[in-house]
Each structure stands twice: as C-alpha cells, then as structure tokens.
Amino acid sequence: CDFNNGKGGIAHIAFEVEDVEKVRKEFEEKGMGM
C-alpha cells in the first residue's frame, strides 16, 4: 500500500522457471535471500 508513497508504479519483473524451489536454493547458496 505504501509502494512509491502510495502512488504505485512498476514493482517487479517476473521470469518463468521450471522449479522455483531449485532457483531459491541456488540463490541462497550464493548468499542471496529470497
């Protein structure tokens, strides 16, 4: 509700993957959090 001071806007880009959990584990192994 507070995104861009309540005005909204572009929030994210989304990529299609075969396995979201596999992607999560790959990023977490690199020290990047989901």
PDB file of all heavy atoms in Angstrom:
ATOM      1  N   CYS A   1       0.829  -1.212   0.000  1.00  0.00           N
ATOM      2  CA  CYS A   1       0.000   0.000   0.000  1.00  0.00           C
ATOM      3  C   CYS A   1       0.862   1.261   0.000  1.00  0.00           C
ATOM      4  O   CYS A   1       0.426   2.314  -0.471  1.00  0.00           O
ATOM      5  CB  CYS A   1      -0.933   0.018   1.211  1.00  0.00           C
ATOM      6  SG  CYS A   1      -2.259  -1.189   1.126  1.00  0.00           S
ATOM      7  N   ASP A   2       2.079   1.157   0.518  1.00  0.00           N
ATOM      8  CA  ASP A   2       2.979   2.307   0.601  1.00  0.00           C
ATOM      9  C   ASP A   2       3.962   2.381  -0.566  1.00  0.00           C
ATOM     10  O   ASP A   2       4.824   3.259  -0.590  1.00  0.00           O
ATOM     11  CB  ASP A   2       3.774   2.243   1.912  1.00  0.00           C
ATOM     12  CG  ASP A   2       2.869   2.330   3.122  1.00  0.00           C
ATOM     13  OD1 ASP A   2       1.839   3.028   3.048  1.00  0.00           O
ATOM     14  OD2 ASP A   2       3.181   1.679   4.133  1.00  0.00           O
ATOM     15  N   PHE A   3       3.820   1.461  -1.536  1.00  0.00           N
ATOM     16  CA  PHE A   3       4.763   1.423  -2.653  1.00  0.00           C
ATOM     17  C   PHE A   3       4.778   2.763  -3.382  1.00  0.00           C
ATOM     18  O   PHE A   3       3.727   3.290  -3.751  1.00  0.00           O
ATOM     19  CB  PHE A   3       4.383   0.295  -3.620  1.00  0.00           C
ATOM     20  CG  PHE A   3       5.370   0.096  -4.737  1.00  0.00           C
ATOM     21  CD1 PHE A   3       6.520  -0.642  -4.528  1.00  0.00           C
ATOM     22  CD2 PHE A   3       5.151   0.660  -5.979  1.00  0.00           C
ATOM     23  CE1 PHE A   3       7.437  -0.818  -5.537  1.00  0.00           C
ATOM     24  CE2 PHE A   3       6.061   0.481  -7.000  1.00  0.00           C
ATOM     25  CZ  PHE A   3       7.217  -0.260  -6.779  1.00  0.00           C
ATOM     26  N   ASN A   4       5.960   3.332  -3.546  1.00  0.00           N
ATOM     27  CA  ASN A   4       6.128   4.633  -4.213  1.00  0.00           C
ATOM     28  C   ASN A   4       5.238   5.697  -3.571  1.00  0.00           C
ATOM     29  O   ASN A   4       4.522   6.421  -4.252  1.00  0.00           O
ATOM     30  CB  ASN A   4       5.857   4.507  -5.716  1.00  0.00           C
ATOM     31  CG  ASN A   4       6.336   5.699  -6.505  1.00  0.00           C
ATOM     32  OD1 ASN A   4       7.192   6.450  -6.062  1.00  0.00           O
ATOM     33  ND2 ASN A   4       5.762   5.879  -7.682  1.00  0.00           N
ATOM     34  N   ASN A   5       5.287   5.746  -2.243  1.00  0.00           N
ATOM     35  CA  ASN A   5       4.497   6.714  -1.465  1.00  0.00           C
ATOM     36  C   ASN A   5       3.001   6.593  -1.728  1.00  0.00           C
ATOM     37  O   ASN A   5       2.279   7.595  -1.727  1.00  0.00           O
ATOM     38  CB  ASN A   5       4.976   8.141  -1.728  1.00  0.00           C
ATOM     39  CG  ASN A   5       6.388   8.359  -1.246  1.00  0.00           C
ATOM     40  OD1 ASN A   5       6.748   7.911  -0.160  1.00  0.00           O
ATOM     41  ND2 ASN A   5       7.193   9.026  -2.044  1.00  0.00           N
ATOM     42  N   GLY A   6       2.531   5.371  -1.969  1.00  0.00           N
ATOM     43  CA  GLY A   6       1.106   5.124  -2.169  1.00  0.00           C
ATOM     44  C   GLY A   6       0.608   5.381  -3.580  1.00  0.00           C
ATOM     45  O   GLY A   6      -0.561   5.177  -3.868  1.00  0.00           O
ATOM     46  N   LYS A   7       1.494   5.811  -4.482  1.00  0.00           N
ATOM     47  CA  LYS A   7       1.081   6.117  -5.858  1.00  0.00           C
ATOM     48  C   LYS A   7       1.182   4.913  -6.782  1.00  0.00           C
ATOM     49  O   LYS A   7       0.624   4.916  -7.873  1.00  0.00           O
ATOM     50  CB  LYS A   7       1.933   7.261  -6.423  1.00  0.00           C
ATOM     51  CG  LYS A   7       1.726   8.578  -5.703  1.00  0.00           C
ATOM     52  CD  LYS A   7       2.583   9.664  -6.304  1.00  0.00           C
ATOM     53  CE  LYS A   7       3.973   9.518  -5.718  1.00  0.00           C
ATOM     54  NZ  LYS A   7       4.868  10.620  -6.043  1.00  0.00           N
ATOM     55  N   GLY A   8       1.913   3.887  -6.381  1.00  0.00           N
ATOM     56  CA  GLY A   8       2.110   2.720  -7.224  1.00  0.00           C
ATOM     57  C   GLY A   8       3.219   2.944  -8.233  1.00  0.00           C
ATOM     58  O   GLY A   8       3.917   3.955  -8.216  1.00  0.00           O
ATOM     59  N   GLY A   9       3.371   1.982  -9.135  1.00  0.00           N
ATOM     60  CA  GLY A   9       4.398   2.040 -10.162  1.00  0.00           C
ATOM     61  C   GLY A   9       4.870   0.646 -10.505  1.00  0.00           C
ATOM     62  O   GLY A   9       4.308  -0.348 -10.049  1.00  0.00           O
ATOM     63  N   ILE A  10       5.905   0.571 -11.328  1.00  0.00           N
ATOM     64  CA  ILE A  10       6.444  -0.736 -11.704  1.00  0.00           C
ATOM     65  C   ILE A  10       7.101  -1.351 -10.477  1.00  0.00           C
ATOM     66  O   ILE A  10       7.993  -0.760  -9.877  1.00  0.00           O
ATOM     67  CB  ILE A  10       7.429  -0.622 -12.870  1.00  0.00           C
ATOM     68  CG1 ILE A  10       6.676  -0.133 -14.121  1.00  0.00           C
ATOM     69  CG2 ILE A  10       8.111  -1.972 -13.138  1.00  0.00           C
ATOM     70  CD1 ILE A  10       7.557   0.139 -15.308  1.00  0.00           C
ATOM     71  N   ALA A  11       6.646  -2.541 -10.120  1.00  0.00           N
ATOM     72  CA  ALA A  11       7.086  -3.180  -8.884  1.00  0.00           C
ATOM     73  C   ALA A  11       8.147  -4.244  -9.112  1.00  0.00           C
ATOM     74  O   ALA A  11       9.080  -4.374  -8.317  1.00  0.00           O
ATOM     75  CB  ALA A  11       5.889  -3.807  -8.172  1.00  0.00           C
ATOM     76  N   HIS A  12       7.994  -5.033 -10.165  1.00  0.00           N
ATOM     77  CA  HIS A  12       8.925  -6.141 -10.377  1.00  0.00           C
ATOM     78  C   HIS A  12       8.864  -6.637 -11.814  1.00  0.00           C
ATOM     79  O   HIS A  12       7.927  -6.328 -12.544  1.00  0.00           O
ATOM     80  CB  HIS A  12       8.619  -7.301  -9.424  1.00  0.00           C
ATOM     81  CG  HIS A  12       7.295  -7.957  -9.667  1.00  0.00           C
ATOM     82  ND1 HIS A  12       6.134  -7.571  -9.022  1.00  0.00           N
ATOM     83  CD2 HIS A  12       6.927  -8.968 -10.489  1.00  0.00           C
ATOM     84  CE1 HIS A  12       5.129  -8.328  -9.434  1.00  0.00           C
ATOM     85  NE2 HIS A  12       5.579  -9.184 -10.329  1.00  0.00           N
ATOM     86  N   ILE A  13       9.892  -7.424 -12.167  1.00  0.00           N
ATOM     87  CA  ILE A  13       9.833  -8.207 -13.392  1.00  0.00           C
ATOM     88  C   ILE A  13       9.814  -9.662 -12.960  1.00  0.00           C
ATOM     89  O   ILE A  13      10.364 -10.016 -11.909  1.00  0.00           O
ATOM     90  CB  ILE A  13      11.007  -7.919 -14.347  1.00  0.00           C
ATOM     91  CG1 ILE A  13      12.347  -8.216 -13.692  1.00  0.00           C
ATOM     92  CG2 ILE A  13      10.955  -6.479 -14.837  1.00  0.00           C
ATOM     93  CD1 ILE A  13      13.507  -8.177 -14.667  1.00  0.00           C
ATOM     94  N   ALA A  14       9.149 -10.491 -13.745  1.00  0.00           N
ATOM     95  CA  ALA A  14       8.999 -11.896 -13.382  1.00  0.00           C
ATOM     96  C   ALA A  14       9.525 -12.791 -14.497  1.00  0.00           C
ATOM     97  O   ALA A  14       9.244 -12.556 -15.675  1.00  0.00           O
ATOM     98  CB  ALA A  14       7.532 -12.211 -13.116  1.00  0.00           C
ATOM     99  N   PHE A  15      10.281 -13.794 -14.088  1.00  0.00           N
ATOM    100  CA  PHE A  15      10.800 -14.783 -15.017  1.00  0.00           C
ATOM    101  C   PHE A  15      10.133 -16.128 -14.762  1.00  0.00           C
ATOM    102  O   PHE A  15       9.915 -16.518 -13.610  1.00  0.00           O
ATOM    103  CB  PHE A  15      12.307 -14.943 -14.858  1.00  0.00           C
ATOM    104  CG  PHE A  15      13.086 -13.745 -15.296  1.00  0.00           C
ATOM    105  CD1 PHE A  15      13.687 -12.916 -14.368  1.00  0.00           C
ATOM    106  CD2 PHE A  15      13.224 -13.443 -16.647  1.00  0.00           C
ATOM    107  CE1 PHE A  15      14.417 -11.803 -14.767  1.00  0.00           C
ATOM    108  CE2 PHE A  15      13.949 -12.335 -17.056  1.00  0.00           C
ATOM    109  CZ  PHE A  15      14.549 -11.518 -16.120  1.00  0.00           C
ATOM    110  N   GLU A  16       9.832 -16.827 -15.844  1.00  0.00           N
ATOM    111  CA  GLU A  16       9.264 -18.171 -15.745  1.00  0.00           C
ATOM    112  C   GLU A  16      10.403 -19.167 -15.581  1.00  0.00           C
ATOM    113  O   GLU A  16      11.400 -19.115 -16.307  1.00  0.00           O
ATOM    114  CB  GLU A  16       8.480 -18.499 -17.008  1.00  0.00           C
ATOM    115  CG  GLU A  16       7.757 -19.820 -16.933  1.00  0.00           C
ATOM    116  CD  GLU A  16       6.828 -20.037 -18.108  1.00  0.00           C
ATOM    117  OE1 GLU A  16       6.528 -19.090 -18.843  1.00  0.00           O
ATOM    118  OE2 GLU A  16       6.400 -21.191 -18.280  1.00  0.00           O
ATOM    119  N   VAL A  17      10.259 -20.057 -14.603  1.00  0.00           N
ATOM    120  CA  VAL A  17      11.249 -21.099 -14.346  1.00  0.00           C
ATOM    121  C   VAL A  17      10.547 -22.440 -14.202  1.00  0.00           C
ATOM    122  O   VAL A  17       9.346 -22.498 -13.941  1.00  0.00           O
ATOM    123  CB  VAL A  17      12.091 -20.796 -13.084  1.00  0.00           C
ATOM    124  CG1 VAL A  17      12.887 -19.510 -13.253  1.00  0.00           C
ATOM    125  CG2 VAL A  17      11.231 -20.721 -11.836  1.00  0.00           C
ATOM    126  N   GLU A  18      11.303 -23.511 -14.350  1.00  0.00           N
ATOM    127  CA  GLU A  18      10.717 -24.846 -14.202  1.00  0.00           C
ATOM    128  C   GLU A  18      10.524 -25.227 -12.744  1.00  0.00           C
ATOM    129  O   GLU A  18       9.627 -25.992 -12.423  1.00  0.00           O
ATOM    130  CB  GLU A  18      11.596 -25.883 -14.900  1.00  0.00           C
ATOM    131  CG  GLU A  18      11.523 -25.795 -16.410  1.00  0.00           C
ATOM    132  CD  GLU A  18      12.294 -26.905 -17.084  1.00  0.00           C
ATOM    133  OE1 GLU A  18      12.509 -27.971 -16.467  1.00  0.00           O
ATOM    134  OE2 GLU A  18      12.680 -26.699 -18.249  1.00  0.00           O
ATOM    135  N   ASP A  19      11.391 -24.706 -11.852  1.00  0.00           N
ATOM    136  CA  ASP A  19      11.365 -25.136 -10.453  1.00  0.00           C
ATOM    137  C   ASP A  19      11.764 -23.966  -9.553  1.00  0.00           C
ATOM    138  O   ASP A  19      12.952 -23.662  -9.411  1.00  0.00           O
ATOM    139  CB  ASP A  19      12.324 -26.313 -10.281  1.00  0.00           C
ATOM    140  CG  ASP A  19      12.279 -26.941  -8.903  1.00  0.00           C
ATOM    141  OD1 ASP A  19      11.840 -26.266  -7.928  1.00  0.00           O
ATOM    142  OD2 ASP A  19      12.695 -28.102  -8.772  1.00  0.00           O
ATOM    143  N   VAL A  20      10.774 -23.321  -8.955  1.00  0.00           N
ATOM    144  CA  VAL A  20      11.026 -22.156  -8.099  1.00  0.00           C
ATOM    145  C   VAL A  20      11.897 -22.529  -6.901  1.00  0.00           C
ATOM    146  O   VAL A  20      12.787 -21.769  -6.513  1.00  0.00           O
ATOM    147  CB  VAL A  20       9.694 -21.517  -7.620  1.00  0.00           C
ATOM    148  CG1 VAL A  20       9.937 -20.469  -6.556  1.00  0.00           C
ATOM    149  CG2 VAL A  20       8.954 -20.902  -8.783  1.00  0.00           C
ATOM    150  N   GLU A  21      11.670 -23.686  -6.319  1.00  0.00           N
ATOM    151  CA  GLU A  21      12.460 -24.095  -5.153  1.00  0.00           C
ATOM    152  C   GLU A  21      13.924 -24.303  -5.523  1.00  0.00           C
ATOM    153  O   GLU A  21      14.818 -23.959  -4.762  1.00  0.00           O
ATOM    154  CB  GLU A  21      11.872 -25.355  -4.511  1.00  0.00           C
ATOM    155  CG  GLU A  21      10.624 -25.073  -3.704  1.00  0.00           C
ATOM    156  CD  GLU A  21      10.876 -24.072  -2.580  1.00  0.00           C
ATOM    157  OE1 GLU A  21      11.735 -24.333  -1.710  1.00  0.00           O
ATOM    158  OE2 GLU A  21      10.223 -23.011  -2.577  1.00  0.00           O
ATOM    159  N   LYS A  22      14.192 -24.848  -6.681  1.00  0.00           N
ATOM    160  CA  LYS A  22      15.574 -25.024  -7.150  1.00  0.00           C
ATOM    161  C   LYS A  22      16.244 -23.660  -7.307  1.00  0.00           C
ATOM    162  O   LYS A  22      17.393 -23.473  -6.892  1.00  0.00           O
ATOM    163  CB  LYS A  22      15.585 -25.784  -8.468  1.00  0.00           C
ATOM    164  CG  LYS A  22      16.955 -26.005  -9.032  1.00  0.00           C
ATOM    165  CD  LYS A  22      16.893 -26.771 -10.342  1.00  0.00           C
ATOM    166  CE  LYS A  22      18.255 -26.850 -10.983  1.00  0.00           C
ATOM    167  NZ  LYS A  22      18.216 -27.432 -12.326  1.00  0.00           N
ATOM    168  N   VAL A  23      15.540 -22.704  -7.878  1.00  0.00           N
ATOM    169  CA  VAL A  23      16.079 -21.353  -8.046  1.00  0.00           C
ATOM    170  C   VAL A  23      16.356 -20.727  -6.675  1.00  0.00           C
ATOM    171  O   VAL A  23      17.408 -20.120  -6.463  1.00  0.00           O
ATOM    172  CB  VAL A  23      15.121 -20.477  -8.882  1.00  0.00           C
ATOM    173  CG1 VAL A  23      15.542 -19.023  -8.864  1.00  0.00           C
ATOM    174  CG2 VAL A  23      15.044 -20.999 -10.314  1.00  0.00           C
ATOM    175  N   ARG A  24      15.408 -20.890  -5.743  1.00  0.00           N
ATOM    176  CA  ARG A  24      15.612 -20.353  -4.380  1.00  0.00           C
ATOM    177  C   ARG A  24      16.887 -20.908  -3.773  1.00  0.00           C
ATOM    178  O   ARG A  24      17.722 -20.166  -3.232  1.00  0.00           O
ATOM    179  CB  ARG A  24      14.419 -20.687  -3.483  1.00  0.00           C
ATOM    180  CG  ARG A  24      14.584 -20.165  -2.043  1.00  0.00           C
ATOM    181  CD  ARG A  24      13.483 -20.653  -1.115  1.00  0.00           C
ATOM    182  NE  ARG A  24      13.414 -22.101  -1.006  1.00  0.00           N
ATOM    183  CZ  ARG A  24      14.248 -22.851  -0.271  1.00  0.00           C
ATOM    184  NH1 ARG A  24      15.217 -22.288   0.426  1.00  0.00           N
ATOM    185  NH2 ARG A  24      14.106 -24.161  -0.229  1.00  0.00           N
ATOM    186  N   LYS A  25      17.077 -22.229  -3.867  1.00  0.00           N
ATOM    187  CA  LYS A  25      18.257 -22.864  -3.283  1.00  0.00           C
ATOM    188  C   LYS A  25      19.537 -22.351  -3.946  1.00  0.00           C
ATOM    189  O   LYS A  25      20.542 -22.118  -3.263  1.00  0.00           O
ATOM    190  CB  LYS A  25      18.148 -24.385  -3.405  1.00  0.00           C
ATOM    191  CG  LYS A  25      17.103 -24.969  -2.484  1.00  0.00           C
ATOM    192  CD  LYS A  25      16.923 -26.451  -2.706  1.00  0.00           C
ATOM    193  CE  LYS A  25      15.746 -26.976  -1.894  1.00  0.00           C
ATOM    194  NZ  LYS A  25      15.412 -28.355  -2.222  1.00  0.00           N
ATOM    195  N   GLU A  26      19.512 -22.184  -5.269  1.00  0.00           N
ATOM    196  CA  GLU A  26      20.695 -21.686  -5.975  1.00  0.00           C
ATOM    197  C   GLU A  26      21.085 -20.290  -5.485  1.00  0.00           C
ATOM    198  O   GLU A  26      22.263 -20.020  -5.251  1.00  0.00           O
ATOM    199  CB  GLU A  26      20.451 -21.661  -7.483  1.00  0.00           C
ATOM    200  CG  GLU A  26      20.423 -23.040  -8.109  1.00  0.00           C
ATOM    201  CD  GLU A  26      20.085 -23.024  -9.595  1.00  0.00           C
ATOM    202  OE1 GLU A  26      19.979 -21.928 -10.201  1.00  0.00           O
ATOM    203  OE2 GLU A  26      19.919 -24.114 -10.161  1.00  0.00           O
ATOM    204  N   PHE A  27      20.102 -19.412  -5.328  1.00  0.00           N
ATOM    205  CA  PHE A  27      20.413 -18.062  -4.856  1.00  0.00           C
ATOM    206  C   PHE A  27      20.856 -18.073  -3.393  1.00  0.00           C
ATOM    207  O   PHE A  27      21.781 -17.357  -3.017  1.00  0.00           O
ATOM    208  CB  PHE A  27      19.230 -17.115  -5.071  1.00  0.00           C
ATOM    209  CG  PHE A  27      19.154 -16.579  -6.466  1.00  0.00           C
ATOM    210  CD1 PHE A  27      18.164 -17.014  -7.334  1.00  0.00           C
ATOM    211  CD2 PHE A  27      20.077 -15.658  -6.929  1.00  0.00           C
ATOM    212  CE1 PHE A  27      18.098 -16.536  -8.637  1.00  0.00           C
ATOM    213  CE2 PHE A  27      20.025 -15.170  -8.222  1.00  0.00           C
ATOM    214  CZ  PHE A  27      19.032 -15.610  -9.080  1.00  0.00           C
ATOM    215  N   GLU A  28      20.215 -18.867  -2.571  1.00  0.00           N
ATOM    216  CA  GLU A  28      20.595 -18.921  -1.162  1.00  0.00           C
ATOM    217  C   GLU A  28      22.002 -19.489  -0.989  1.00  0.00           C
ATOM    218  O   GLU A  28      22.737 -19.052  -0.113  1.00  0.00           O
ATOM    219  CB  GLU A  28      19.566 -19.713  -0.362  1.00  0.00           C
ATOM    220  CG  GLU A  28      18.275 -18.927  -0.180  1.00  0.00           C
ATOM    221  CD  GLU A  28      17.198 -19.669   0.578  1.00  0.00           C
ATOM    222  OE1 GLU A  28      17.338 -20.896   0.816  1.00  0.00           O
ATOM    223  OE2 GLU A  28      16.187 -19.020   0.919  1.00  0.00           O
ATOM    224  N   GLU A  29      22.395 -20.450  -1.848  1.00  0.00           N
ATOM    225  CA  GLU A  29      23.757 -20.984  -1.796  1.00  0.00           C
ATOM    226  C   GLU A  29      24.786 -19.906  -2.135  1.00  0.00           C
ATOM    227  O   GLU A  29      25.941 -19.993  -1.722  1.00  0.00           O
ATOM    228  CB  GLU A  29      23.901 -22.169  -2.751  1.00  0.00           C
ATOM    229  CG  GLU A  29      23.217 -23.423  -2.244  1.00  0.00           C
ATOM    230  CD  GLU A  29      23.163 -24.546  -3.281  1.00  0.00           C
ATOM    231  OE1 GLU A  29      23.687 -24.372  -4.401  1.00  0.00           O
ATOM    232  OE2 GLU A  29      22.575 -25.591  -2.956  1.00  0.00           O
ATOM    233  N   LYS A  30      24.384 -18.889  -2.862  1.00  0.00           N
ATOM    234  CA  LYS A  30      25.263 -17.769  -3.214  1.00  0.00           C
ATOM    235  C   LYS A  30      25.170 -16.640  -2.189  1.00  0.00           C
ATOM    236  O   LYS A  30      25.733 -15.558  -2.395  1.00  0.00           O
ATOM    237  CB  LYS A  30      24.891 -17.223  -4.594  1.00  0.00           C
ATOM    238  CG  LYS A  30      25.102 -18.212  -5.715  1.00  0.00           C
ATOM    239  CD  LYS A  30      24.593 -17.642  -7.026  1.00  0.00           C
ATOM    240  CE  LYS A  30      24.713 -18.664  -8.134  1.00  0.00           C
ATOM    241  NZ  LYS A  30      24.130 -18.157  -9.401  1.00  0.00           N
ATOM    242  N   GLY A  31      24.419 -16.877  -1.094  1.00  0.00           N
ATOM    243  CA  GLY A  31      24.287 -15.880  -0.042  1.00  0.00           C
ATOM    244  C   GLY A  31      23.237 -14.810  -0.318  1.00  0.00           C
ATOM    245  O   GLY A  31      23.227 -13.771   0.338  1.00  0.00           O
ATOM    246  N   MET A  32      22.360 -15.065  -1.283  1.00  0.00           N
ATOM    247  CA  MET A  32      21.310 -14.100  -1.632  1.00  0.00           C
ATOM    248  C   MET A  32      19.966 -14.621  -1.130  1.00  0.00           C
ATOM    249  O   MET A  32      19.603 -15.758  -1.393  1.00  0.00           O
ATOM    250  CB  MET A  32      21.263 -13.890  -3.149  1.00  0.00           C
ATOM    251  CG  MET A  32      22.505 -13.213  -3.672  1.00  0.00           C
ATOM    252  SD  MET A  32      22.398 -12.911  -5.431  1.00  0.00           S
ATOM    253  CE  MET A  32      23.514 -14.159  -6.018  1.00  0.00           C
ATOM    254  N   GLY A  33      19.234 -13.773  -0.423  1.00  0.00           N
ATOM    255  CA  GLY A  33      17.988 -14.186   0.196  1.00  0.00           C
ATOM    256  C   GLY A  33      16.762 -13.947  -0.670  1.00  0.00           C
ATOM    257  O   GLY A  33      16.707 -13.007  -1.462  1.00  0.00           O
ATOM    258  N   MET A  34      15.795 -14.823  -0.473  1.00  0.00           N
ATOM    259  CA  MET A  34      14.507 -14.704  -1.142  1.00  0.00           C
ATOM    260  C   MET A  34      13.507 -14.081  -0.167  1.00  0.00           C
ATOM    261  O   MET A  34      13.695 -14.100   1.046  1.00  0.00           O
ATOM    262  CB  MET A  34      14.023 -16.076  -1.597  1.00  0.00           C
ATOM    263  CG  MET A  34      14.991 -16.791  -2.541  1.00  0.00           C
ATOM    264  SD  MET A  34      15.205 -15.989  -4.134  1.00  0.00           S
ATOM    265  CE  MET A  34      13.806 -16.641  -5.004  1.00  0.00           C
TER     266      MET A  34
END
